[in-house]
Amino acid sequence: MYQIKNEYLFPTQVVTGQIPDFNKIQQPMVDWMDDYKNKNQGVAKISNKGGWQSESKDVYLDDGFKPFQDSMVNCINELCLEFKIGKKLKIAQMWININGANSYNVSHRHPNSILSGVLWIKQRSEMGRFVFDNMDNGYRDAMLLTNTDVNHLLECKMPPEYVPGYTNGTIIIFPSGLSHRVEINETQENRYTLAFNIVFD
């Protein structure tokens, strides 16, 4: 009898959590983001194609963010504890993303930070799914992965791409070097998210 042993090497940790009673602050957050955009028309051009991304990466300092600060930052702090990092962390950057019709974000990473994250404020799948790309193992093992049973790949966390589960009020935190993108918004509505980077304090 063959003594077969399977091992799956080098997993990447991704942590997801939900802001309690998010429905109570959802519309006020959308209103704040729309107001912020109207007052700050400049748009950052980084990964976004057609969408609006705030030039400022310090929107957490805006007075309009204060009513939501505790709910969001407390959740981020709890999720960061799951990484078991032996140093203090702090939010270094936070910015607004408003993706209108036909806009999307190309695959990218966040340099010069330790962890990155997203809060989904108003979205549904047709507005553009958030996708992690297996840019490292996926490219290295492309011939292997494209010819392997997809159920096996999903079960063992080895797919070429992965869409995490999320809804409005979900925060996800992941290593900043993990490639990710947002698919095209196929609706006429705006998709609202807040993104952020975390560094050692």
C-alpha atoms as a PDB file:
ATOM      1  CA  MET A   1       0.000   0.000   0.000  1.00  0.00           C
ATOM      2  CA  TYR A   2       1.329   3.423  -0.926  1.00  0.00           C
ATOM      3  CA  GLN A   3       1.937   5.722   2.024  1.00  0.00           C
ATOM      4  CA  ILE A   4       0.510   8.885   0.465  1.00  0.00           C
ATOM      5  CA  LYS A   5       0.697  12.199   2.274  1.00  0.00           C
ATOM      6  CA  ASN A   6      -0.534  15.546   0.916  1.00  0.00           C
ATOM      7  CA  GLU A   7       0.851  18.868   2.134  1.00  0.00           C
ATOM      8  CA  TYR A   8      -0.250  22.356   1.093  1.00  0.00           C
ATOM      9  CA  LEU A   9       2.548  24.836   1.650  1.00  0.00           C
ATOM     10  CA  PHE A  10       2.751  28.546   2.460  1.00  0.00           C
ATOM     11  CA  PRO A  11      -0.835  29.679   3.075  1.00  0.00           C
ATOM     12  CA  THR A  12      -1.644  33.405   3.218  1.00  0.00           C
ATOM     13  CA  GLN A  13      -3.749  34.661   6.116  1.00  0.00           C
ATOM     14  CA  VAL A  14      -6.766  36.828   5.341  1.00  0.00           C
ATOM     15  CA  VAL A  15      -9.072  38.000   8.149  1.00  0.00           C
ATOM     16  CA  THR A  16     -12.682  39.115   7.731  1.00  0.00           C
ATOM     17  CA  GLY A  17     -15.089  40.675  10.211  1.00  0.00           C
ATOM     18  CA  GLN A  18     -18.432  42.474  10.296  1.00  0.00           C
ATOM     19  CA  ILE A  19     -19.192  45.862  11.855  1.00  0.00           C
ATOM     20  CA  PRO A  20     -22.164  45.344  14.232  1.00  0.00           C
ATOM     21  CA  ASP A  21     -25.384  47.184  13.306  1.00  0.00           C
ATOM     22  CA  PHE A  22     -23.768  48.518  10.153  1.00  0.00           C
ATOM     23  CA  ASN A  23     -27.171  49.367   8.662  1.00  0.00           C
ATOM     24  CA  LYS A  24     -27.398  52.238  11.168  1.00  0.00           C
ATOM     25  CA  ILE A  25     -24.340  54.006   9.765  1.00  0.00           C
ATOM     26  CA  GLN A  26     -24.388  52.857   6.133  1.00  0.00           C
ATOM     27  CA  GLN A  27     -26.350  55.739   4.618  1.00  0.00           C
ATOM     28  CA  PRO A  28     -24.613  58.408   6.739  1.00  0.00           C
ATOM     29  CA  MET A  29     -21.275  57.019   5.487  1.00  0.00           C
ATOM     30  CA  VAL A  30     -22.456  57.197   1.860  1.00  0.00           C
ATOM     31  CA  ASP A  31     -23.633  60.781   2.449  1.00  0.00           C
ATOM     32  CA  TRP A  32     -20.268  61.728   3.960  1.00  0.00           C
ATOM     33  CA  MET A  33     -18.373  60.164   1.057  1.00  0.00           C
ATOM     34  CA  ASP A  34     -20.514  61.957  -1.533  1.00  0.00           C
ATOM     35  CA  ASP A  35     -20.065  65.235   0.333  1.00  0.00           C
ATOM     36  CA  TYR A  36     -16.307  64.669   0.589  1.00  0.00           C
ATOM     37  CA  LYS A  37     -16.096  64.006  -3.150  1.00  0.00           C
ATOM     38  CA  ASN A  38     -18.068  67.163  -3.962  1.00  0.00           C
ATOM     39  CA  LYS A  39     -15.661  69.239  -1.866  1.00  0.00           C
ATOM     40  CA  ASN A  40     -12.522  67.463  -3.124  1.00  0.00           C
ATOM     41  CA  GLN A  41     -12.886  66.966  -6.850  1.00  0.00           C
ATOM     42  CA  GLY A  42      -9.281  65.842  -7.393  1.00  0.00           C
ATOM     43  CA  VAL A  43      -8.961  62.157  -8.227  1.00  0.00           C
ATOM     44  CA  ALA A  44      -6.018  59.839  -7.598  1.00  0.00           C
ATOM     45  CA  LYS A  45      -5.055  57.678 -10.570  1.00  0.00           C
ATOM     46  CA  ILE A  46      -3.463  54.498  -9.246  1.00  0.00           C
ATOM     47  CA  SER A  47      -5.285  51.203  -9.817  1.00  0.00           C
ATOM     48  CA  ASN A  48      -8.672  52.734 -10.582  1.00  0.00           C
ATOM     49  CA  LYS A  49      -9.953  52.845 -14.135  1.00  0.00           C
ATOM     50  CA  GLY A  50     -12.863  55.229 -14.474  1.00  0.00           C
ATOM     51  CA  GLY A  51     -13.717  55.371 -10.774  1.00  0.00           C
ATOM     52  CA  TRP A  52     -13.078  58.156  -8.259  1.00  0.00           C
ATOM     53  CA  GLN A  53     -10.431  57.683  -5.583  1.00  0.00           C
ATOM     54  CA  SER A  54      -9.723  60.477  -3.114  1.00  0.00           C
ATOM     55  CA  GLU A  55      -6.371  62.180  -3.584  1.00  0.00           C
ATOM     56  CA  SER A  56      -6.046  62.409   0.169  1.00  0.00           C
ATOM     57  CA  LYS A  57      -4.983  59.221   1.904  1.00  0.00           C
ATOM     58  CA  ASP A  58      -5.840  60.783   5.279  1.00  0.00           C
ATOM     59  CA  VAL A  59      -9.635  60.822   5.052  1.00  0.00           C
ATOM     60  CA  TYR A  60      -9.769  59.349   8.585  1.00  0.00           C
ATOM     61  CA  LEU A  61      -8.735  62.844   9.784  1.00  0.00           C
ATOM     62  CA  ASP A  62     -11.758  64.463   8.141  1.00  0.00           C
ATOM     63  CA  ASP A  63     -14.402  65.733  10.577  1.00  0.00           C
ATOM     64  CA  GLY A  64     -17.069  63.880   8.606  1.00  0.00           C
ATOM     65  CA  PHE A  65     -15.423  60.549   9.437  1.00  0.00           C
ATOM     66  CA  LYS A  66     -15.595  61.042  13.216  1.00  0.00           C
ATOM     67  CA  PRO A  67     -19.100  59.539  13.705  1.00  0.00           C
ATOM     68  CA  PHE A  68     -17.870  56.268  12.145  1.00  0.00           C
ATOM     69  CA  GLN A  69     -14.376  56.196  13.580  1.00  0.00           C
ATOM     70  CA  ASP A  70     -15.009  54.032  16.632  1.00  0.00           C
ATOM     71  CA  SER A  71     -17.087  51.454  14.751  1.00  0.00           C
ATOM     72  CA  MET A  72     -14.512  51.028  12.011  1.00  0.00           C
ATOM     73  CA  VAL A  73     -11.248  51.382  13.913  1.00  0.00           C
ATOM     74  CA  ASN A  74     -12.340  49.092  16.743  1.00  0.00           C
ATOM     75  CA  CYS A  75     -13.192  46.382  14.209  1.00  0.00           C
ATOM     76  CA  ILE A  76      -9.854  46.865  12.409  1.00  0.00           C
ATOM     77  CA  ASN A  77      -7.962  46.583  15.707  1.00  0.00           C
ATOM     78  CA  GLU A  78      -9.722  43.328  16.599  1.00  0.00           C
ATOM     79  CA  LEU A  79      -9.054  41.819  13.182  1.00  0.00           C
ATOM     80  CA  CYS A  80      -5.367  42.781  13.317  1.00  0.00           C
ATOM     81  CA  LEU A  81      -4.969  40.803  16.554  1.00  0.00           C
ATOM     82  CA  GLU A  82      -5.689  37.645  14.561  1.00  0.00           C
ATOM     83  CA  PHE A  83      -2.343  38.019  12.778  1.00  0.00           C
ATOM     84  CA  LYS A  84      -0.454  37.538  16.093  1.00  0.00           C
ATOM     85  CA  ILE A  85       2.037  40.272  15.202  1.00  0.00           C
ATOM     86  CA  GLY A  86       4.443  41.115  18.022  1.00  0.00           C
ATOM     87  CA  LYS A  87       4.544  44.850  17.283  1.00  0.00           C
ATOM     88  CA  LYS A  88       2.034  47.655  17.584  1.00  0.00           C
ATOM     89  CA  LEU A  89       0.231  48.614  14.399  1.00  0.00           C
ATOM     90  CA  LYS A  90      -1.410  51.810  13.218  1.00  0.00           C
ATOM     91  CA  ILE A  91      -3.481  52.982  10.277  1.00  0.00           C
ATOM     92  CA  ALA A  92      -1.158  54.980   8.032  1.00  0.00           C
ATOM     93  CA  GLN A  93      -3.475  55.695   5.099  1.00  0.00           C
ATOM     94  CA  MET A  94      -7.191  55.578   4.330  1.00  0.00           C
ATOM     95  CA  TRP A  95      -8.972  56.658   1.166  1.00  0.00           C
ATOM     96  CA  ILE A  96     -12.405  56.698  -0.439  1.00  0.00           C
ATOM     97  CA  ASN A  97     -13.291  54.665  -3.529  1.00  0.00           C
ATOM     98  CA  ILE A  98     -16.436  55.442  -5.509  1.00  0.00           C
ATOM     99  CA  ASN A  99     -16.758  53.231  -8.576  1.00  0.00           C
ATOM    100  CA  GLY A 100     -19.449  54.328 -11.005  1.00  0.00           C
ATOM    101  CA  ALA A 101     -20.761  52.548 -14.077  1.00  0.00           C
ATOM    102  CA  ASN A 102     -18.114  50.675 -16.112  1.00  0.00           C
ATOM    103  CA  SER A 103     -15.308  51.488 -13.675  1.00  0.00           C
ATOM    104  CA  TYR A 104     -12.952  48.935 -12.154  1.00  0.00           C
ATOM    105  CA  ASN A 105      -9.549  48.496 -10.470  1.00  0.00           C
ATOM    106  CA  VAL A 106      -6.696  46.616 -12.107  1.00  0.00           C
ATOM    107  CA  SER A 107      -4.722  43.996 -10.175  1.00  0.00           C
ATOM    108  CA  HIS A 108      -2.325  45.687  -7.769  1.00  0.00           C
ATOM    109  CA  ARG A 109      -0.535  45.507  -4.432  1.00  0.00           C
ATOM    110  CA  HIS A 110       0.058  48.105  -1.710  1.00  0.00           C
ATOM    111  CA  PRO A 111       3.784  48.812  -1.261  1.00  0.00           C
ATOM    112  CA  ASN A 112       5.338  50.321   1.884  1.00  0.00           C
ATOM    113  CA  SER A 113       2.770  48.854   4.282  1.00  0.00           C
ATOM    114  CA  ILE A 114       2.361  45.660   6.300  1.00  0.00           C
ATOM    115  CA  LEU A 115      -1.365  45.001   6.031  1.00  0.00           C
ATOM    116  CA  SER A 116      -4.115  46.462   3.876  1.00  0.00           C
ATOM    117  CA  GLY A 117      -7.862  46.334   4.060  1.00  0.00           C
ATOM    118  CA  VAL A 118     -11.256  47.275   2.687  1.00  0.00           C
ATOM    119  CA  LEU A 119     -14.603  48.184   4.205  1.00  0.00           C
ATOM    120  CA  TRP A 120     -17.526  47.536   1.857  1.00  0.00           C
ATOM    121  CA  ILE A 121     -20.122  50.244   2.400  1.00  0.00           C
ATOM    122  CA  LYS A 122     -22.541  49.941  -0.508  1.00  0.00           C
ATOM    123  CA  GLN A 123     -22.118  47.209  -3.088  1.00  0.00           C
ATOM    124  CA  ARG A 124     -23.440  44.062  -4.643  1.00  0.00           C
ATOM    125  CA  SER A 125     -21.694  41.584  -6.938  1.00  0.00           C
ATOM    126  CA  GLU A 126     -22.866  43.240 -10.178  1.00  0.00           C
ATOM    127  CA  MET A 127     -21.101  46.435  -9.053  1.00  0.00           C
ATOM    128  CA  GLY A 128     -17.735  44.671  -9.297  1.00  0.00           C
ATOM    129  CA  ARG A 129     -16.514  41.727  -7.278  1.00  0.00           C
ATOM    130  CA  PHE A 130     -13.341  42.047  -5.178  1.00  0.00           C
ATOM    131  CA  VAL A 131     -10.879  39.376  -6.349  1.00  0.00           C
ATOM    132  CA  PHE A 132      -7.580  38.104  -4.965  1.00  0.00           C
ATOM    133  CA  ASP A 133      -5.172  36.993  -7.700  1.00  0.00           C
ATOM    134  CA  ASN A 134      -2.740  34.132  -7.137  1.00  0.00           C
ATOM    135  CA  MET A 135      -0.001  36.122  -8.871  1.00  0.00           C
ATOM    136  CA  ASP A 136       2.918  34.239  -7.313  1.00  0.00           C
ATOM    137  CA  ASN A 137       2.022  30.552  -7.156  1.00  0.00           C
ATOM    138  CA  GLY A 138      -0.534  31.051  -9.918  1.00  0.00           C
ATOM    139  CA  TYR A 139       2.031  32.187 -12.467  1.00  0.00           C
ATOM    140  CA  ARG A 140       4.628  29.696 -11.315  1.00  0.00           C
ATOM    141  CA  ASP A 141       2.188  26.795 -11.508  1.00  0.00           C
ATOM    142  CA  ALA A 142      -0.033  28.112 -14.316  1.00  0.00           C
ATOM    143  CA  MET A 143       0.222  25.000 -16.488  1.00  0.00           C
ATOM    144  CA  LEU A 144      -0.537  22.799 -13.482  1.00  0.00           C
ATOM    145  CA  LEU A 145      -3.430  24.871 -12.125  1.00  0.00           C
ATOM    146  CA  THR A 146      -5.235  25.304 -15.438  1.00  0.00           C
ATOM    147  CA  ASN A 147      -5.335  21.512 -15.866  1.00  0.00           C
ATOM    148  CA  THR A 148      -6.336  20.589 -12.307  1.00  0.00           C
ATOM    149  CA  ASP A 149      -9.866  19.791 -11.121  1.00  0.00           C
ATOM    150  CA  VAL A 150     -11.364  23.109 -10.000  1.00  0.00           C
ATOM    151  CA  ASN A 151     -13.062  21.600  -6.937  1.00  0.00           C
ATOM    152  CA  HIS A 152      -9.715  20.313  -5.699  1.00  0.00           C
ATOM    153  CA  LEU A 153      -8.190  23.767  -6.195  1.00  0.00           C
ATOM    154  CA  LEU A 154     -10.999  25.467  -4.287  1.00  0.00           C
ATOM    155  CA  GLU A 155     -11.010  22.925  -1.467  1.00  0.00           C
ATOM    156  CA  CYS A 156      -7.265  23.285  -0.952  1.00  0.00           C
ATOM    157  CA  LYS A 157      -7.143  27.092  -1.363  1.00  0.00           C
ATOM    158  CA  MET A 158      -5.055  26.930  -4.547  1.00  0.00           C
ATOM    159  CA  PRO A 159      -7.211  28.626  -7.217  1.00  0.00           C
ATOM    160  CA  PRO A 160      -5.723  31.107  -9.702  1.00  0.00           C
ATOM    161  CA  GLU A 161      -8.124  33.676  -8.225  1.00  0.00           C
ATOM    162  CA  TYR A 162     -10.377  33.851  -5.193  1.00  0.00           C
ATOM    163  CA  VAL A 163     -13.438  35.954  -4.305  1.00  0.00           C
ATOM    164  CA  PRO A 164     -13.838  36.228  -0.515  1.00  0.00           C
ATOM    165  CA  GLY A 165     -17.253  36.335   1.090  1.00  0.00           C
ATOM    166  CA  TYR A 166     -18.379  39.835   2.058  1.00  0.00           C
ATOM    167  CA  THR A 167     -21.401  42.091   2.327  1.00  0.00           C
ATOM    168  CA  ASN A 168     -22.080  45.687   3.322  1.00  0.00           C
ATOM    169  CA  GLY A 169     -20.287  46.348   6.606  1.00  0.00           C
ATOM    170  CA  THR A 170     -17.618  43.679   6.062  1.00  0.00           C
ATOM    171  CA  ILE A 171     -13.976  44.563   6.694  1.00  0.00           C
ATOM    172  CA  ILE A 172     -11.244  42.366   5.242  1.00  0.00           C
ATOM    173  CA  ILE A 173      -7.557  42.655   6.149  1.00  0.00           C
ATOM    174  CA  PHE A 174      -4.765  40.966   4.210  1.00  0.00           C
ATOM    175  CA  PRO A 175      -0.996  41.198   3.648  1.00  0.00           C
ATOM    176  CA  SER A 176      -0.252  44.259   1.529  1.00  0.00           C
ATOM    177  CA  GLY A 177       1.718  42.206  -0.990  1.00  0.00           C
ATOM    178  CA  LEU A 178      -1.302  40.086  -1.901  1.00  0.00           C
ATOM    179  CA  SER A 179      -2.508  41.023  -5.403  1.00  0.00           C
ATOM    180  CA  HIS A 180      -6.139  42.066  -5.702  1.00  0.00           C
ATOM    181  CA  ARG A 181      -8.499  43.826  -8.106  1.00  0.00           C
ATOM    182  CA  VAL A 182     -12.106  44.937  -8.535  1.00  0.00           C
ATOM    183  CA  GLU A 183     -14.145  43.789 -11.503  1.00  0.00           C
ATOM    184  CA  ILE A 184     -16.177  46.168 -13.678  1.00  0.00           C
ATOM    185  CA  ASN A 185     -19.294  47.828 -12.298  1.00  0.00           C
ATOM    186  CA  GLU A 186     -22.079  46.564 -14.542  1.00  0.00           C
ATOM    187  CA  THR A 187     -24.759  48.803 -12.996  1.00  0.00           C
ATOM    188  CA  GLN A 188     -25.606  52.501 -13.135  1.00  0.00           C
ATOM    189  CA  GLU A 189     -25.151  52.826  -9.364  1.00  0.00           C
ATOM    190  CA  ASN A 190     -22.054  53.795  -7.408  1.00  0.00           C
ATOM    191  CA  ARG A 191     -20.053  51.245  -5.468  1.00  0.00           C
ATOM    192  CA  TYR A 192     -18.686  52.662  -2.183  1.00  0.00           C
ATOM    193  CA  THR A 193     -15.685  51.359  -0.246  1.00  0.00           C
ATOM    194  CA  LEU A 194     -13.049  52.642   2.142  1.00  0.00           C
ATOM    195  CA  ALA A 195      -9.547  51.212   1.766  1.00  0.00           C
ATOM    196  CA  PHE A 196      -6.645  51.525   4.174  1.00  0.00           C
ATOM    197  CA  ASN A 197      -3.029  50.592   4.846  1.00  0.00           C
ATOM    198  CA  ILE A 198      -1.519  49.555   8.156  1.00  0.00           C
ATOM    199  CA  VAL A 199       2.124  49.892   9.244  1.00  0.00           C
ATOM    200  CA  PHE A 200       4.203  49.259  12.339  1.00  0.00           C
ATOM    201  CA  ASP A 201       3.683  51.990  14.928  1.00  0.00           C
END
